[in-house]
Amino acid sequence: MSVKRMNFDVAVETNGSVELPDAGPMWITVSPKDHDFVLHKGSEIKLLWPHTFLNPKHFEKLDFQYFFIQPIDGVVGSTETALDFVLANPLWSLSLQQHKILDIR
């Protein structure tokens, strides 16, 4: 029996390199790591920050409900510059890894 038929919510996080099968309603997070991604729609897109070759502006016309910038852990200044970016670009929101902030590993 599938988890959907058992009334479980399904959430998937993917780098978007392959299309997902149609499994009915689910939450889809796409976090591309390079330009070779094919999944251009979903619930949210999450980009790591700073990213040397993925420009967030190139993703703004894609079919997502939410747009997130997530600072890379351990990169000095990444949280501050990510915050500067989202304040200047209101389509985007800041995504923080709370378990890392709280040192829960």
C-alpha atoms as a PDB file:
ATOM      1  CA  MET A   1       0.000   0.000   0.000  1.00  0.00           C
ATOM      2  CA  SER A   2       1.327   3.437  -0.894  1.00  0.00           C
ATOM      3  CA  VAL A   3       1.878   6.131   1.703  1.00  0.00           C
ATOM      4  CA  LYS A   4      -0.568   8.373  -0.169  1.00  0.00           C
ATOM      5  CA  ARG A   5      -3.348   5.791   0.195  1.00  0.00           C
ATOM      6  CA  MET A   6      -2.529   5.584   3.904  1.00  0.00           C
ATOM      7  CA  ASN A   7      -3.200   9.373   4.102  1.00  0.00           C
ATOM      8  CA  PHE A   8       0.392  10.369   4.768  1.00  0.00           C
ATOM      9  CA  ASP A   9       1.643  13.679   3.463  1.00  0.00           C
ATOM     10  CA  VAL A  10       4.595  13.260   1.137  1.00  0.00           C
ATOM     11  CA  ALA A  11       7.459  15.747   0.948  1.00  0.00           C
ATOM     12  CA  VAL A  12      10.358  15.370  -1.461  1.00  0.00           C
ATOM     13  CA  GLU A  13      13.579  17.367  -1.643  1.00  0.00           C
ATOM     14  CA  THR A  14      15.499  16.944  -4.870  1.00  0.00           C
ATOM     15  CA  ASN A  15      18.269  18.605  -6.829  1.00  0.00           C
ATOM     16  CA  GLY A  16      15.823  18.578  -9.751  1.00  0.00           C
ATOM     17  CA  SER A  17      18.014  16.524 -12.080  1.00  0.00           C
ATOM     18  CA  VAL A  18      15.157  14.113 -12.966  1.00  0.00           C
ATOM     19  CA  GLU A  19      11.415  14.539 -13.393  1.00  0.00           C
ATOM     20  CA  LEU A  20       9.325  13.145 -10.567  1.00  0.00           C
ATOM     21  CA  PRO A  21       6.579  10.601 -11.215  1.00  0.00           C
ATOM     22  CA  ASP A  22       3.055  11.893 -10.812  1.00  0.00           C
ATOM     23  CA  ALA A  23       2.243  10.635  -7.327  1.00  0.00           C
ATOM     24  CA  GLY A  24      -0.563  13.035  -6.574  1.00  0.00           C
ATOM     25  CA  PRO A  25      -0.285  15.949  -4.187  1.00  0.00           C
ATOM     26  CA  MET A  26       3.024  16.303  -2.454  1.00  0.00           C
ATOM     27  CA  TRP A  27       5.358  19.033  -1.272  1.00  0.00           C
ATOM     28  CA  ILE A  28       8.282  19.344  -3.656  1.00  0.00           C
ATOM     29  CA  THR A  29      11.439  21.257  -2.736  1.00  0.00           C
ATOM     30  CA  VAL A  30      13.919  21.746  -5.563  1.00  0.00           C
ATOM     31  CA  SER A  31      17.459  22.666  -4.546  1.00  0.00           C
ATOM     32  CA  PRO A  32      19.517  22.728  -7.760  1.00  0.00           C
ATOM     33  CA  LYS A  33      23.271  22.376  -7.472  1.00  0.00           C
ATOM     34  CA  ASP A  34      24.079  23.282 -11.088  1.00  0.00           C
ATOM     35  CA  HIS A  35      22.424  24.394 -14.337  1.00  0.00           C
ATOM     36  CA  ASP A  36      21.536  20.828 -15.371  1.00  0.00           C
ATOM     37  CA  PHE A  37      18.173  20.535 -13.636  1.00  0.00           C
ATOM     38  CA  VAL A  38      14.915  19.660 -15.370  1.00  0.00           C
ATOM     39  CA  LEU A  39      12.346  20.116 -12.608  1.00  0.00           C
ATOM     40  CA  HIS A  40      11.191  23.710 -13.076  1.00  0.00           C
ATOM     41  CA  LYS A  41       8.096  23.661 -10.887  1.00  0.00           C
ATOM     42  CA  GLY A  42       7.222  22.648  -7.368  1.00  0.00           C
ATOM     43  CA  SER A  43       6.282  23.941  -3.956  1.00  0.00           C
ATOM     44  CA  GLU A  44       9.546  25.718  -3.237  1.00  0.00           C
ATOM     45  CA  ILE A  45      12.960  26.348  -4.687  1.00  0.00           C
ATOM     46  CA  LYS A  46      15.934  26.651  -2.362  1.00  0.00           C
ATOM     47  CA  LEU A  47      19.281  28.027  -3.495  1.00  0.00           C
ATOM     48  CA  LEU A  48      22.460  27.846  -1.487  1.00  0.00           C
ATOM     49  CA  TRP A  49      24.172  31.177  -0.832  1.00  0.00           C
ATOM     50  CA  PRO A  50      26.651  32.314  -1.929  1.00  0.00           C
ATOM     51  CA  HIS A  51      26.652  30.297  -5.120  1.00  0.00           C
ATOM     52  CA  THR A  52      29.333  31.169  -7.618  1.00  0.00           C
ATOM     53  CA  PHE A  53      27.446  30.143 -10.753  1.00  0.00           C
ATOM     54  CA  LEU A  54      23.705  30.037  -9.924  1.00  0.00           C
ATOM     55  CA  ASN A  55      22.141  33.489 -10.046  1.00  0.00           C
ATOM     56  CA  PRO A  56      18.838  33.621  -8.117  1.00  0.00           C
ATOM     57  CA  LYS A  57      17.438  36.090 -10.648  1.00  0.00           C
ATOM     58  CA  HIS A  58      17.491  33.321 -13.297  1.00  0.00           C
ATOM     59  CA  PHE A  59      14.979  31.291 -11.235  1.00  0.00           C
ATOM     60  CA  GLU A  60      12.358  33.944 -10.569  1.00  0.00           C
ATOM     61  CA  LYS A  61      10.096  33.122 -13.522  1.00  0.00           C
ATOM     62  CA  LEU A  62       9.898  29.413 -12.661  1.00  0.00           C
ATOM     63  CA  ASP A  63       6.679  27.897 -11.312  1.00  0.00           C
ATOM     64  CA  PHE A  64       7.272  27.764  -7.534  1.00  0.00           C
ATOM     65  CA  GLN A  65       5.145  29.016  -4.660  1.00  0.00           C
ATOM     66  CA  TYR A  66       8.116  29.941  -2.464  1.00  0.00           C
ATOM     67  CA  PHE A  67      11.663  31.089  -3.170  1.00  0.00           C
ATOM     68  CA  PHE A  68      14.346  30.576  -0.512  1.00  0.00           C
ATOM     69  CA  ILE A  69      17.985  31.560  -0.105  1.00  0.00           C
ATOM     70  CA  GLN A  70      19.924  29.389   2.357  1.00  0.00           C
ATOM     71  CA  PRO A  71      23.345  30.492   3.603  1.00  0.00           C
ATOM     72  CA  ILE A  72      26.075  27.863   3.275  1.00  0.00           C
ATOM     73  CA  ASP A  73      27.173  26.636   6.678  1.00  0.00           C
ATOM     74  CA  GLY A  74      30.696  27.708   7.603  1.00  0.00           C
ATOM     75  CA  VAL A  75      31.125  30.374   4.914  1.00  0.00           C
ATOM     76  CA  VAL A  76      32.023  33.627   6.661  1.00  0.00           C
ATOM     77  CA  GLY A  77      29.536  36.360   5.834  1.00  0.00           C
ATOM     78  CA  SER A  78      27.084  34.121   3.989  1.00  0.00           C
ATOM     79  CA  THR A  79      24.199  34.764   6.386  1.00  0.00           C
ATOM     80  CA  GLU A  80      24.710  38.521   6.311  1.00  0.00           C
ATOM     81  CA  THR A  81      24.962  38.735   2.521  1.00  0.00           C
ATOM     82  CA  ALA A  82      22.000  36.359   2.110  1.00  0.00           C
ATOM     83  CA  LEU A  83      19.964  38.628   4.374  1.00  0.00           C
ATOM     84  CA  ASP A  84      21.042  41.646   2.324  1.00  0.00           C
ATOM     85  CA  PHE A  85      19.906  39.838  -0.831  1.00  0.00           C
ATOM     86  CA  VAL A  86      16.438  38.900   0.466  1.00  0.00           C
ATOM     87  CA  LEU A  87      15.859  42.396   1.865  1.00  0.00           C
ATOM     88  CA  ALA A  88      16.621  43.834  -1.580  1.00  0.00           C
ATOM     89  CA  ASN A  89      14.627  41.122  -3.418  1.00  0.00           C
ATOM     90  CA  PRO A  90      11.231  40.602  -1.750  1.00  0.00           C
ATOM     91  CA  LEU A  91      10.317  37.507  -3.814  1.00  0.00           C
ATOM     92  CA  TRP A  92      12.982  35.620  -1.853  1.00  0.00           C
ATOM     93  CA  SER A  93      12.950  34.580   1.809  1.00  0.00           C
ATOM     94  CA  LEU A  94      15.772  33.562   4.107  1.00  0.00           C
ATOM     95  CA  SER A  95      15.988  29.865   5.006  1.00  0.00           C
ATOM     96  CA  LEU A  96      18.125  29.019   8.027  1.00  0.00           C
ATOM     97  CA  GLN A  97      19.101  25.562   9.218  1.00  0.00           C
ATOM     98  CA  GLN A  98      17.925  25.853  12.809  1.00  0.00           C
ATOM     99  CA  HIS A  99      19.548  22.595  13.894  1.00  0.00           C
ATOM    100  CA  LYS A 100      22.928  24.064  12.967  1.00  0.00           C
ATOM    101  CA  ILE A 101      22.248  27.366  14.718  1.00  0.00           C
ATOM    102  CA  LEU A 102      21.294  25.428  17.864  1.00  0.00           C
ATOM    103  CA  ASP A 103      24.253  23.046  17.396  1.00  0.00           C
ATOM    104  CA  ILE A 104      22.025  19.977  17.163  1.00  0.00           C
ATOM    105  CA  ARG A 105      23.853  17.558  14.899  1.00  0.00           C
END
